[in-house]
Amino acid sequence: MSDTEEEAEETEPAVPLGDGPEIEGEPLARVASRLTWPAQKSDAIAQEGETTIRTPQGPRDLASVLEASDVPLFQSRSEFVEAVEAVIGSGPVAVE
């Protein structure tokens, strides 16, 4: 294998990305990465509440999702994600 072929393999994505429809909202993982732990529900709403997240039913504001949760304090990122997914569900994101 030549150096050019090796460089091409390193720069090309493993999976080709298509020109699909635009998906509204941010992935939950990206929003969770911006918070610090532990986090009170009220602090998460104050910091990221206006953020629109992607859900299987379509985009939703994080504040409305968190208000539907009965967890007052998230000890970790995984606890936060579990609480949000308990409200929104998990699965493929609606694209249209």
N, C-alpha and C. Protein backbone atom coordinates (compact mmCIF):
# COMPACT_ATOMS: atom_id res chain seq x y z
N MET A 1 0.85 -1.17 0.00
CA MET A 1 0.00 0.00 0.00
C MET A 1 0.90 1.23 0.00
N SER A 2 0.59 2.18 -0.83
CA SER A 2 1.40 3.39 -0.91
C SER A 2 0.97 4.38 0.17
N ASP A 3 1.83 5.41 0.37
CA ASP A 3 1.51 6.44 1.36
C ASP A 3 0.23 7.18 1.00
N THR A 4 -0.01 7.39 -0.29
CA THR A 4 -1.21 8.10 -0.74
C THR A 4 -2.46 7.31 -0.40
N GLU A 5 -2.42 5.99 -0.60
CA GLU A 5 -3.57 5.15 -0.28
C GLU A 5 -3.84 5.14 1.22
N GLU A 6 -2.78 5.09 2.02
CA GLU A 6 -2.94 5.11 3.47
C GLU A 6 -3.53 6.43 3.93
N GLU A 7 -3.09 7.54 3.37
CA GLU A 7 -3.63 8.85 3.73
C GLU A 7 -5.08 8.95 3.34
N ALA A 8 -5.46 8.42 2.17
CA ALA A 8 -6.85 8.47 1.71
C ALA A 8 -7.74 7.68 2.66
N GLU A 9 -7.27 6.52 3.12
CA GLU A 9 -8.07 5.72 4.03
C GLU A 9 -8.27 6.43 5.37
N GLU A 10 -7.30 7.18 5.82
CA GLU A 10 -7.41 7.87 7.10
C GLU A 10 -8.34 9.07 7.03
N THR A 11 -8.48 9.71 5.88
CA THR A 11 -9.29 10.91 5.78
C THR A 11 -10.72 10.63 5.34
N GLU A 12 -10.99 9.49 4.72
CA GLU A 12 -12.34 9.17 4.29
C GLU A 12 -13.15 8.63 5.46
N PRO A 13 -14.44 9.01 5.56
CA PRO A 13 -15.25 8.48 6.65
C PRO A 13 -15.46 6.98 6.48
N ALA A 14 -15.61 6.28 7.59
CA ALA A 14 -15.82 4.84 7.54
C ALA A 14 -17.15 4.50 6.87
N VAL A 15 -18.13 5.37 7.05
CA VAL A 15 -19.43 5.20 6.43
C VAL A 15 -19.71 6.45 5.61
N PRO A 16 -19.99 6.30 4.33
CA PRO A 16 -20.28 7.50 3.53
C PRO A 16 -21.55 8.19 4.03
N LEU A 17 -21.47 9.50 4.16
CA LEU A 17 -22.62 10.27 4.62
C LEU A 17 -23.41 10.74 3.41
N GLY A 18 -24.71 10.60 3.49
CA GLY A 18 -25.55 10.97 2.36
C GLY A 18 -26.11 12.37 2.50
N ASP A 19 -26.88 12.76 1.53
CA ASP A 19 -27.55 14.06 1.54
C ASP A 19 -28.99 13.86 1.96
N GLY A 20 -29.19 13.40 3.19
CA GLY A 20 -30.53 13.13 3.69
C GLY A 20 -31.20 14.39 4.18
N PRO A 21 -32.41 14.25 4.70
CA PRO A 21 -33.14 15.40 5.21
C PRO A 21 -32.47 15.97 6.46
N GLU A 22 -32.64 17.26 6.67
CA GLU A 22 -32.12 17.94 7.86
C GLU A 22 -32.92 17.47 9.07
N ILE A 23 -32.22 17.14 10.14
CA ILE A 23 -32.89 16.69 11.37
C ILE A 23 -32.84 17.82 12.37
N GLU A 24 -34.01 18.24 12.83
CA GLU A 24 -34.10 19.35 13.77
C GLU A 24 -33.75 18.88 15.18
N GLY A 25 -33.06 19.72 15.90
CA GLY A 25 -32.70 19.43 17.28
C GLY A 25 -31.30 18.87 17.40
N GLU A 26 -30.88 18.73 18.66
CA GLU A 26 -29.54 18.23 18.95
C GLU A 26 -29.65 16.83 19.54
N PRO A 27 -28.63 16.01 19.32
CA PRO A 27 -28.62 14.70 19.98
C PRO A 27 -28.54 14.87 21.50
N LEU A 28 -29.22 14.00 22.20
CA LEU A 28 -29.23 14.05 23.66
C LEU A 28 -27.82 13.95 24.23
N ALA A 29 -26.98 13.12 23.63
CA ALA A 29 -25.61 12.95 24.12
C ALA A 29 -24.83 14.26 24.09
N ARG A 30 -25.04 15.07 23.06
CA ARG A 30 -24.34 16.36 22.96
C ARG A 30 -24.79 17.30 24.07
N VAL A 31 -26.07 17.34 24.33
CA VAL A 31 -26.60 18.20 25.40
C VAL A 31 -26.07 17.72 26.75
N ALA A 32 -26.08 16.41 26.98
CA ALA A 32 -25.60 15.86 28.25
C ALA A 32 -24.13 16.15 28.47
N SER A 33 -23.36 16.23 27.38
CA SER A 33 -21.92 16.48 27.54
C SER A 33 -21.63 17.91 27.98
N ARG A 34 -22.58 18.82 27.82
CA ARG A 34 -22.36 20.21 28.22
C ARG A 34 -22.70 20.48 29.68
N LEU A 35 -23.34 19.53 30.34
CA LEU A 35 -23.72 19.70 31.74
C LEU A 35 -22.62 19.14 32.64
N THR A 36 -22.61 19.58 33.89
CA THR A 36 -21.66 19.05 34.87
C THR A 36 -22.44 18.25 35.91
N TRP A 37 -21.79 17.26 36.48
CA TRP A 37 -22.47 16.32 37.37
C TRP A 37 -21.92 16.38 38.77
N PRO A 38 -22.75 16.23 39.77
CA PRO A 38 -24.19 16.07 39.73
C PRO A 38 -24.88 17.37 39.32
N ALA A 39 -26.10 17.25 38.81
CA ALA A 39 -26.84 18.42 38.36
C ALA A 39 -28.28 18.33 38.86
N GLN A 40 -28.75 19.40 39.45
CA GLN A 40 -30.16 19.47 39.83
C GLN A 40 -30.98 19.69 38.57
N LYS A 41 -32.20 19.18 38.59
CA LYS A 41 -33.08 19.34 37.44
C LYS A 41 -33.27 20.82 37.11
N SER A 42 -33.43 21.66 38.12
CA SER A 42 -33.64 23.09 37.89
C SER A 42 -32.41 23.73 37.23
N ASP A 43 -31.22 23.28 37.61
CA ASP A 43 -30.00 23.81 37.00
C ASP A 43 -29.88 23.37 35.54
N ALA A 44 -30.24 22.12 35.26
CA ALA A 44 -30.20 21.63 33.89
C ALA A 44 -31.20 22.39 33.02
N ILE A 45 -32.36 22.69 33.57
CA ILE A 45 -33.36 23.47 32.83
C ILE A 45 -32.86 24.88 32.59
N ALA A 46 -32.25 25.49 33.60
CA ALA A 46 -31.73 26.85 33.45
C ALA A 46 -30.62 26.91 32.41
N GLN A 47 -29.77 25.90 32.37
CA GLN A 47 -28.63 25.91 31.45
C GLN A 47 -29.01 25.46 30.05
N GLU A 48 -29.82 24.41 29.91
CA GLU A 48 -30.08 23.82 28.60
C GLU A 48 -31.57 23.69 28.27
N GLY A 49 -32.43 24.26 29.08
CA GLY A 49 -33.87 24.09 28.90
C GLY A 49 -34.42 24.52 27.56
N GLU A 50 -33.85 25.55 26.98
CA GLU A 50 -34.34 26.04 25.68
C GLU A 50 -33.82 25.22 24.50
N THR A 51 -32.93 24.28 24.77
CA THR A 51 -32.36 23.45 23.73
C THR A 51 -33.40 22.47 23.21
N THR A 52 -33.47 22.34 21.91
CA THR A 52 -34.35 21.36 21.29
C THR A 52 -33.57 20.08 21.07
N ILE A 53 -34.13 18.98 21.57
CA ILE A 53 -33.45 17.69 21.41
C ILE A 53 -34.22 16.82 20.42
N ARG A 54 -33.52 15.87 19.84
CA ARG A 54 -34.11 14.92 18.91
C ARG A 54 -34.76 13.79 19.71
N THR A 55 -35.99 13.44 19.33
CA THR A 55 -36.68 12.33 19.98
C THR A 55 -37.30 11.45 18.89
N PRO A 56 -37.70 10.23 19.25
CA PRO A 56 -38.36 9.38 18.26
C PRO A 56 -39.67 9.97 17.73
N GLN A 57 -40.30 10.86 18.49
CA GLN A 57 -41.55 11.48 18.06
C GLN A 57 -41.35 12.83 17.38
N GLY A 58 -40.11 13.26 17.26
CA GLY A 58 -39.81 14.57 16.68
C GLY A 58 -39.14 15.45 17.71
N PRO A 59 -38.75 16.65 17.31
CA PRO A 59 -38.02 17.55 18.21
C PRO A 59 -38.87 18.02 19.39
N ARG A 60 -38.22 18.14 20.57
CA ARG A 60 -38.89 18.65 21.78
C ARG A 60 -37.91 19.50 22.56
N ASP A 61 -38.45 20.49 23.27
CA ASP A 61 -37.63 21.31 24.16
C ASP A 61 -37.25 20.48 25.37
N LEU A 62 -35.98 20.58 25.76
CA LEU A 62 -35.50 19.80 26.90
C LEU A 62 -36.24 20.17 28.18
N ALA A 63 -36.60 21.44 28.35
CA ALA A 63 -37.30 21.86 29.57
C ALA A 63 -38.60 21.09 29.75
N SER A 64 -39.38 20.92 28.70
CA SER A 64 -40.66 20.20 28.83
C SER A 64 -40.43 18.73 29.14
N VAL A 65 -39.36 18.16 28.60
CA VAL A 65 -39.03 16.77 28.88
C VAL A 65 -38.62 16.61 30.34
N LEU A 66 -37.75 17.49 30.82
CA LEU A 66 -37.29 17.39 32.21
C LEU A 66 -38.42 17.65 33.20
N GLU A 67 -39.33 18.55 32.87
CA GLU A 67 -40.46 18.82 33.77
C GLU A 67 -41.36 17.60 33.90
N ALA A 68 -41.38 16.73 32.89
CA ALA A 68 -42.18 15.51 32.94
C ALA A 68 -41.50 14.41 33.76
N SER A 69 -40.24 14.60 34.08
CA SER A 69 -39.48 13.63 34.87
C SER A 69 -39.63 13.94 36.35
N ASP A 70 -39.65 12.89 37.18
CA ASP A 70 -39.76 13.10 38.62
C ASP A 70 -38.41 13.01 39.32
N VAL A 71 -37.33 13.00 38.57
CA VAL A 71 -35.98 12.93 39.14
C VAL A 71 -35.51 14.36 39.45
N PRO A 72 -35.27 14.70 40.73
CA PRO A 72 -34.87 16.06 41.07
C PRO A 72 -33.37 16.33 40.93
N LEU A 73 -32.55 15.25 41.00
CA LEU A 73 -31.11 15.40 40.96
C LEU A 73 -30.51 14.27 40.13
N PHE A 74 -29.68 14.64 39.17
CA PHE A 74 -29.01 13.66 38.33
C PHE A 74 -27.58 13.53 38.84
N GLN A 75 -27.24 12.36 39.37
CA GLN A 75 -25.91 12.14 39.92
C GLN A 75 -24.84 12.00 38.84
N SER A 76 -25.25 11.54 37.65
CA SER A 76 -24.28 11.30 36.58
C SER A 76 -24.93 11.53 35.22
N ARG A 77 -24.08 11.58 34.22
CA ARG A 77 -24.55 11.75 32.85
C ARG A 77 -25.48 10.61 32.46
N SER A 78 -25.12 9.39 32.82
CA SER A 78 -25.95 8.24 32.45
C SER A 78 -27.31 8.29 33.15
N GLU A 79 -27.35 8.78 34.38
CA GLU A 79 -28.64 8.92 35.07
C GLU A 79 -29.51 9.97 34.38
N PHE A 80 -28.90 11.05 33.92
CA PHE A 80 -29.62 12.09 33.17
C PHE A 80 -30.19 11.51 31.88
N VAL A 81 -29.37 10.80 31.12
CA VAL A 81 -29.82 10.23 29.85
C VAL A 81 -30.94 9.23 30.09
N GLU A 82 -30.82 8.39 31.10
CA GLU A 82 -31.86 7.42 31.43
C GLU A 82 -33.17 8.11 31.78
N ALA A 83 -33.11 9.18 32.56
CA ALA A 83 -34.32 9.91 32.95
C ALA A 83 -34.99 10.54 31.74
N VAL A 84 -34.20 11.13 30.86
CA VAL A 84 -34.77 11.75 29.66
C VAL A 84 -35.37 10.68 28.75
N GLU A 85 -34.65 9.58 28.56
CA GLU A 85 -35.17 8.51 27.70
C GLU A 85 -36.41 7.85 28.29
N ALA A 86 -36.57 7.88 29.61
CA ALA A 86 -37.79 7.36 30.23
C ALA A 86 -38.99 8.19 29.81
N VAL A 87 -38.77 9.47 29.53
CA VAL A 87 -39.86 10.36 29.10
C VAL A 87 -40.06 10.28 27.59
N ILE A 88 -38.96 10.36 26.82
CA ILE A 88 -39.09 10.44 25.36
C ILE A 88 -39.05 9.10 24.66
N GLY A 89 -38.56 8.07 25.34
CA GLY A 89 -38.39 6.76 24.70
C GLY A 89 -37.05 6.71 24.00
N SER A 90 -36.77 5.59 23.38
CA SER A 90 -35.54 5.45 22.62
C SER A 90 -35.88 4.79 21.31
N GLY A 91 -35.04 4.99 20.36
CA GLY A 91 -35.28 4.43 19.05
C GLY A 91 -34.87 5.40 17.98
N PRO A 92 -35.19 5.09 16.73
CA PRO A 92 -34.82 5.97 15.63
C PRO A 92 -35.46 7.34 15.76
N VAL A 93 -34.73 8.34 15.33
CA VAL A 93 -35.22 9.72 15.39
C VAL A 93 -36.10 9.99 14.19
N ALA A 94 -37.23 10.63 14.42
CA ALA A 94 -38.12 11.00 13.33
C ALA A 94 -37.45 12.05 12.46
N VAL A 95 -37.46 11.85 11.14
CA VAL A 95 -36.81 12.80 10.25
C VAL A 95 -37.78 13.67 9.48
N GLU A 96 -39.01 13.31 9.41
CA GLU A 96 -40.01 14.15 8.74
C GLU A 96 -41.36 14.00 9.33
